[in-house]
């Protein structure tokens, strides 16, 4: 009976030690990943500047409301960088690793699409820090519906001018 108590005690202590070790190991891995991400982000700033981009803001957080069964839920989004080039605003996402720097990776595509819908930039940039390459990402369904300056000013001006010519040629007859 006495031995059984010690067996259960050591099993309990071993399980508690394992849980504690795993908890601290996970925290260490997260801290290591955050440290690496910050380091790569600093390198990405230099890469973007070298390519003519001006960094407007780092870790820009924004919010939107998501309705779930009619109930509002406030969702947060944090872009790595907001950058500017030739007076055009871009959201830049810094990635490293084997899969995530690829725009073909589904989680990366979804993240960039969410950034586009929240921030409404002129473009999206995916900064691959493994290859030190900046990739511009565009979505076909987003580019097709935008009216140009011609739609707002040009066509009405042309129609007005044609009407003026017709009125002038007929001299108000």
C-alpha atoms as a PDB file:
ATOM      1  CA  UNK A   1       0.000   0.000   0.000  1.00  0.00           C
ATOM      2  CA  UNK A   2       2.810   2.383   0.864  1.00  0.00           C
ATOM      3  CA  UNK A   3       4.577   1.667  -2.417  1.00  0.00           C
ATOM      4  CA  UNK A   4       1.389   2.324  -4.374  1.00  0.00           C
ATOM      5  CA  UNK A   5       1.176   5.793  -2.831  1.00  0.00           C
ATOM      6  CA  UNK A   6       4.724   6.617  -3.940  1.00  0.00           C
ATOM      7  CA  UNK A   7       4.074   5.275  -7.452  1.00  0.00           C
ATOM      8  CA  UNK A   8       1.053   7.581  -7.854  1.00  0.00           C
ATOM      9  CA  UNK A   9       2.964  10.464  -6.289  1.00  0.00           C
ATOM     10  CA  UNK A  10       5.856  10.085  -8.757  1.00  0.00           C
ATOM     11  CA  UNK A  11       3.430   9.711 -11.677  1.00  0.00           C
ATOM     12  CA  UNK A  12       1.657  12.905 -10.585  1.00  0.00           C
ATOM     13  CA  UNK A  13       4.961  14.784 -10.134  1.00  0.00           C
ATOM     14  CA  UNK A  14       6.211  13.528 -13.517  1.00  0.00           C
ATOM     15  CA  UNK A  15       2.994  14.648 -15.246  1.00  0.00           C
ATOM     16  CA  UNK A  16       3.131  18.053 -13.541  1.00  0.00           C
ATOM     17  CA  UNK A  17       6.785  18.463 -14.557  1.00  0.00           C
ATOM     18  CA  UNK A  18       5.943  17.516 -18.169  1.00  0.00           C
ATOM     19  CA  UNK A  19       3.048  19.996 -18.344  1.00  0.00           C
ATOM     20  CA  UNK A  20       5.220  22.771 -16.865  1.00  0.00           C
ATOM     21  CA  UNK A  21       8.094  21.977 -19.235  1.00  0.00           C
ATOM     22  CA  UNK A  22       5.814  21.951 -22.289  1.00  0.00           C
ATOM     23  CA  UNK A  23       4.224  25.257 -21.248  1.00  0.00           C
ATOM     24  CA  UNK A  24       7.593  26.983 -20.939  1.00  0.00           C
ATOM     25  CA  UNK A  25       8.879  25.321 -24.123  1.00  0.00           C
ATOM     26  CA  UNK A  26       5.880  26.672 -26.091  1.00  0.00           C
ATOM     27  CA  UNK A  27       6.453  30.166 -24.666  1.00  0.00           C
ATOM     28  CA  UNK A  28      10.137  29.946 -25.606  1.00  0.00           C
ATOM     29  CA  UNK A  29       9.241  28.933 -29.173  1.00  0.00           C
ATOM     30  CA  UNK A  30       6.769  31.831 -29.465  1.00  0.00           C
ATOM     31  CA  UNK A  31       9.335  34.323 -28.134  1.00  0.00           C
ATOM     32  CA  UNK A  32      11.923  32.941 -30.561  1.00  0.00           C
ATOM     33  CA  UNK A  33       9.463  33.305 -33.480  1.00  0.00           C
ATOM     34  CA  UNK A  34       8.593  36.891 -32.438  1.00  0.00           C
ATOM     35  CA  UNK A  35      12.300  37.774 -32.160  1.00  0.00           C
ATOM     36  CA  UNK A  36      12.955  36.344 -35.638  1.00  0.00           C
ATOM     37  CA  UNK A  37       9.925  38.170 -37.070  1.00  0.00           C
ATOM     38  CA  UNK A  38      11.096  41.523 -35.657  1.00  0.00           C
ATOM     39  CA  UNK A  39      14.600  40.968 -37.000  1.00  0.00           C
ATOM     40  CA  UNK A  40      13.257  40.099 -40.466  1.00  0.00           C
ATOM     41  CA  UNK A  41      10.893  43.064 -40.334  1.00  0.00           C
ATOM     42  CA  UNK A  42      13.838  45.423 -39.776  1.00  0.00           C
ATOM     43  CA  UNK A  43      15.634  43.843 -42.739  1.00  0.00           C
ATOM     44  CA  UNK A  44      12.439  44.159 -44.805  1.00  0.00           C
ATOM     45  CA  UNK A  45      12.269  47.899 -44.038  1.00  0.00           C
ATOM     46  CA  UNK A  46      15.770  48.289 -45.483  1.00  0.00           C
ATOM     47  CA  UNK A  47      14.863  46.172 -48.530  1.00  0.00           C
ATOM     48  CA  UNK A  48      11.752  48.252 -49.201  1.00  0.00           C
ATOM     49  CA  UNK A  49      13.652  51.536 -48.781  1.00  0.00           C
ATOM     50  CA  UNK A  50      16.346  50.267 -51.147  1.00  0.00           C
ATOM     51  CA  UNK A  51      13.591  49.653 -53.712  1.00  0.00           C
ATOM     52  CA  UNK A  52      12.164  53.171 -53.429  1.00  0.00           C
ATOM     53  CA  UNK A  53       9.402  52.641 -50.877  1.00  0.00           C
ATOM     54  CA  UNK A  54       8.839  54.969 -47.950  1.00  0.00           C
ATOM     55  CA  UNK A  55       7.660  53.273 -44.756  1.00  0.00           C
ATOM     56  CA  UNK A  56       4.595  55.126 -43.503  1.00  0.00           C
ATOM     57  CA  UNK A  57       3.670  52.932 -40.538  1.00  0.00           C
ATOM     58  CA  UNK A  58       4.743  49.680 -38.877  1.00  0.00           C
ATOM     59  CA  UNK A  59       2.340  47.179 -37.312  1.00  0.00           C
ATOM     60  CA  UNK A  60      -0.711  49.209 -38.339  1.00  0.00           C
ATOM     61  CA  UNK A  61      -3.741  47.876 -36.514  1.00  0.00           C
ATOM     62  CA  UNK A  62      -7.259  48.358 -37.790  1.00  0.00           C
ATOM     63  CA  UNK A  63     -10.664  46.977 -36.827  1.00  0.00           C
ATOM     64  CA  UNK A  64     -13.875  46.052 -38.543  1.00  0.00           C
ATOM     65  CA  UNK A  65     -17.181  44.663 -37.391  1.00  0.00           C
ATOM     66  CA  UNK A  66     -18.147  41.137 -38.306  1.00  0.00           C
ATOM     67  CA  UNK A  67     -21.766  40.124 -37.752  1.00  0.00           C
ATOM     68  CA  UNK A  68     -22.305  36.537 -36.590  1.00  0.00           C
ATOM     69  CA  UNK A  69     -25.969  35.563 -36.483  1.00  0.00           C
ATOM     70  CA  UNK A  70     -26.831  39.260 -36.349  1.00  0.00           C
ATOM     71  CA  UNK A  71     -24.561  39.952 -33.373  1.00  0.00           C
ATOM     72  CA  UNK A  72     -21.602  42.290 -33.889  1.00  0.00           C
ATOM     73  CA  UNK A  73     -18.077  41.028 -33.309  1.00  0.00           C
ATOM     74  CA  UNK A  74     -15.131  43.430 -33.452  1.00  0.00           C
ATOM     75  CA  UNK A  75     -12.270  41.874 -35.428  1.00  0.00           C
ATOM     76  CA  UNK A  76      -8.716  43.207 -35.365  1.00  0.00           C
ATOM     77  CA  UNK A  77      -6.251  43.146 -38.245  1.00  0.00           C
ATOM     78  CA  UNK A  78      -2.589  44.124 -38.021  1.00  0.00           C
ATOM     79  CA  UNK A  79      -0.562  44.716 -41.176  1.00  0.00           C
ATOM     80  CA  UNK A  80       3.218  44.482 -40.969  1.00  0.00           C
ATOM     81  CA  UNK A  81       3.780  47.721 -42.881  1.00  0.00           C
ATOM     82  CA  UNK A  82       2.050  50.489 -44.731  1.00  0.00           C
ATOM     83  CA  UNK A  83       4.426  51.798 -47.393  1.00  0.00           C
ATOM     84  CA  UNK A  84       4.294  54.458 -50.076  1.00  0.00           C
ATOM     85  CA  UNK A  85       5.853  54.805 -53.528  1.00  0.00           C
ATOM     86  CA  UNK A  86       4.969  57.445 -56.142  1.00  0.00           C
ATOM     87  CA  UNK A  87       2.108  58.661 -53.909  1.00  0.00           C
ATOM     88  CA  UNK A  88       0.523  55.188 -53.932  1.00  0.00           C
ATOM     89  CA  UNK A  89      -0.152  53.393 -50.651  1.00  0.00           C
ATOM     90  CA  UNK A  90       0.642  49.675 -50.301  1.00  0.00           C
ATOM     91  CA  UNK A  91       0.225  47.125 -47.532  1.00  0.00           C
ATOM     92  CA  UNK A  92       3.407  45.073 -47.185  1.00  0.00           C
ATOM     93  CA  UNK A  93       3.365  41.691 -45.484  1.00  0.00           C
ATOM     94  CA  UNK A  94       6.732  40.210 -44.457  1.00  0.00           C
ATOM     95  CA  UNK A  95       7.048  36.432 -44.666  1.00  0.00           C
ATOM     96  CA  UNK A  96       9.775  33.839 -44.232  1.00  0.00           C
ATOM     97  CA  UNK A  97       9.948  30.079 -44.417  1.00  0.00           C
ATOM     98  CA  UNK A  98       9.228  27.592 -47.154  1.00  0.00           C
ATOM     99  CA  UNK A  99       5.497  27.985 -47.809  1.00  0.00           C
ATOM    100  CA  UNK A 100       4.166  31.240 -46.368  1.00  0.00           C
ATOM    101  CA  UNK A 101       6.150  33.646 -48.630  1.00  0.00           C
ATOM    102  CA  UNK A 102       4.321  32.184 -51.616  1.00  0.00           C
ATOM    103  CA  UNK A 103       1.127  33.886 -52.778  1.00  0.00           C
ATOM    104  CA  UNK A 104      -0.015  30.391 -53.775  1.00  0.00           C
ATOM    105  CA  UNK A 105      -0.203  29.436 -50.077  1.00  0.00           C
ATOM    106  CA  UNK A 106      -3.885  29.678 -49.135  1.00  0.00           C
ATOM    107  CA  UNK A 107      -3.385  31.275 -45.694  1.00  0.00           C
ATOM    108  CA  UNK A 108      -1.166  33.994 -47.190  1.00  0.00           C
ATOM    109  CA  UNK A 109      -3.699  34.728 -49.956  1.00  0.00           C
ATOM    110  CA  UNK A 110      -6.522  35.014 -47.450  1.00  0.00           C
ATOM    111  CA  UNK A 111      -4.457  37.267 -45.185  1.00  0.00           C
ATOM    112  CA  UNK A 112      -3.575  39.602 -48.075  1.00  0.00           C
ATOM    113  CA  UNK A 113      -7.194  39.687 -49.243  1.00  0.00           C
ATOM    114  CA  UNK A 114      -8.326  40.643 -45.735  1.00  0.00           C
ATOM    115  CA  UNK A 115      -5.698  43.418 -45.675  1.00  0.00           C
ATOM    116  CA  UNK A 116      -6.987  44.700 -48.988  1.00  0.00           C
ATOM    117  CA  UNK A 117     -10.594  44.778 -47.811  1.00  0.00           C
ATOM    118  CA  UNK A 118      -9.720  46.508 -44.523  1.00  0.00           C
ATOM    119  CA  UNK A 119      -7.020  49.000 -45.591  1.00  0.00           C
ATOM    120  CA  UNK A 120      -8.065  49.613 -49.249  1.00  0.00           C
ATOM    121  CA  UNK A 121      -4.490  50.209 -50.479  1.00  0.00           C
ATOM    122  CA  UNK A 122      -3.462  50.793 -54.080  1.00  0.00           C
ATOM    123  CA  UNK A 123      -1.624  47.480 -53.953  1.00  0.00           C
ATOM    124  CA  UNK A 124      -0.389  44.582 -51.859  1.00  0.00           C
ATOM    125  CA  UNK A 125       3.246  43.613 -51.424  1.00  0.00           C
ATOM    126  CA  UNK A 126       4.505  40.261 -50.217  1.00  0.00           C
ATOM    127  CA  UNK A 127       8.073  40.591 -48.947  1.00  0.00           C
ATOM    128  CA  UNK A 128       9.840  37.229 -49.100  1.00  0.00           C
ATOM    129  CA  UNK A 129      12.771  37.551 -46.705  1.00  0.00           C
ATOM    130  CA  UNK A 130      14.232  34.143 -47.562  1.00  0.00           C
ATOM    131  CA  UNK A 131      14.855  35.323 -51.146  1.00  0.00           C
ATOM    132  CA  UNK A 132      14.886  39.049 -50.263  1.00  0.00           C
ATOM    133  CA  UNK A 133      12.299  39.638 -52.958  1.00  0.00           C
ATOM    134  CA  UNK A 134       9.307  41.987 -53.100  1.00  0.00           C
ATOM    135  CA  UNK A 135       6.290  40.595 -54.928  1.00  0.00           C
ATOM    136  CA  UNK A 136       3.252  42.627 -55.956  1.00  0.00           C
ATOM    137  CA  UNK A 137       0.024  40.669 -55.489  1.00  0.00           C
ATOM    138  CA  UNK A 138      -3.204  41.565 -57.297  1.00  0.00           C
ATOM    139  CA  UNK A 139      -6.633  39.949 -57.257  1.00  0.00           C
ATOM    140  CA  UNK A 140      -8.468  39.902 -60.598  1.00  0.00           C
ATOM    141  CA  UNK A 141     -11.910  40.311 -59.044  1.00  0.00           C
ATOM    142  CA  UNK A 142     -10.792  43.464 -57.223  1.00  0.00           C
ATOM    143  CA  UNK A 143      -9.228  45.275 -60.175  1.00  0.00           C
ATOM    144  CA  UNK A 144     -12.119  44.921 -62.604  1.00  0.00           C
ATOM    145  CA  UNK A 145     -14.743  47.035 -60.863  1.00  0.00           C
ATOM    146  CA  UNK A 146     -12.883  50.281 -60.296  1.00  0.00           C
ATOM    147  CA  UNK A 147     -14.032  53.303 -62.258  1.00  0.00           C
ATOM    148  CA  UNK A 148     -11.260  55.391 -63.722  1.00  0.00           C
ATOM    149  CA  UNK A 149     -10.996  59.177 -63.874  1.00  0.00           C
ATOM    150  CA  UNK A 150     -12.440  58.878 -67.379  1.00  0.00           C
ATOM    151  CA  UNK A 151     -15.666  57.465 -65.934  1.00  0.00           C
ATOM    152  CA  UNK A 152     -16.057  60.390 -63.548  1.00  0.00           C
ATOM    153  CA  UNK A 153     -14.812  63.322 -65.636  1.00  0.00           C
ATOM    154  CA  UNK A 154     -13.862  62.266 -69.141  1.00  0.00           C
ATOM    155  CA  UNK A 155     -17.050  60.744 -70.524  1.00  0.00           C
ATOM    156  CA  UNK A 156     -19.380  63.419 -69.116  1.00  0.00           C
ATOM    157  CA  UNK A 157     -17.064  66.091 -70.555  1.00  0.00           C
ATOM    158  CA  UNK A 158     -17.004  64.381 -73.967  1.00  0.00           C
ATOM    159  CA  UNK A 159     -20.807  64.024 -73.994  1.00  0.00           C
ATOM    160  CA  UNK A 160     -21.199  67.670 -72.967  1.00  0.00           C
ATOM    161  CA  UNK A 161     -18.800  68.735 -75.740  1.00  0.00           C
ATOM    162  CA  UNK A 162     -20.687  66.644 -78.367  1.00  0.00           C
ATOM    163  CA  UNK A 163     -23.952  68.217 -77.203  1.00  0.00           C
ATOM    164  CA  UNK A 164     -22.379  71.673 -77.464  1.00  0.00           C
ATOM    165  CA  UNK A 165     -21.198  70.965 -81.032  1.00  0.00           C
ATOM    166  CA  UNK A 166     -24.625  69.676 -82.045  1.00  0.00           C
ATOM    167  CA  UNK A 167     -26.273  72.717 -80.474  1.00  0.00           C
ATOM    168  CA  UNK A 168     -23.786  75.035 -82.184  1.00  0.00           C
ATOM    169  CA  UNK A 169     -24.211  73.394 -85.597  1.00  0.00           C
ATOM    170  CA  UNK A 170     -27.983  73.495 -85.423  1.00  0.00           C
ATOM    171  CA  UNK A 171     -27.873  77.004 -83.894  1.00  0.00           C
ATOM    172  CA  UNK A 172     -30.778  76.248 -81.673  1.00  0.00           C
ATOM    173  CA  UNK A 173     -33.157  75.429 -84.522  1.00  0.00           C
END
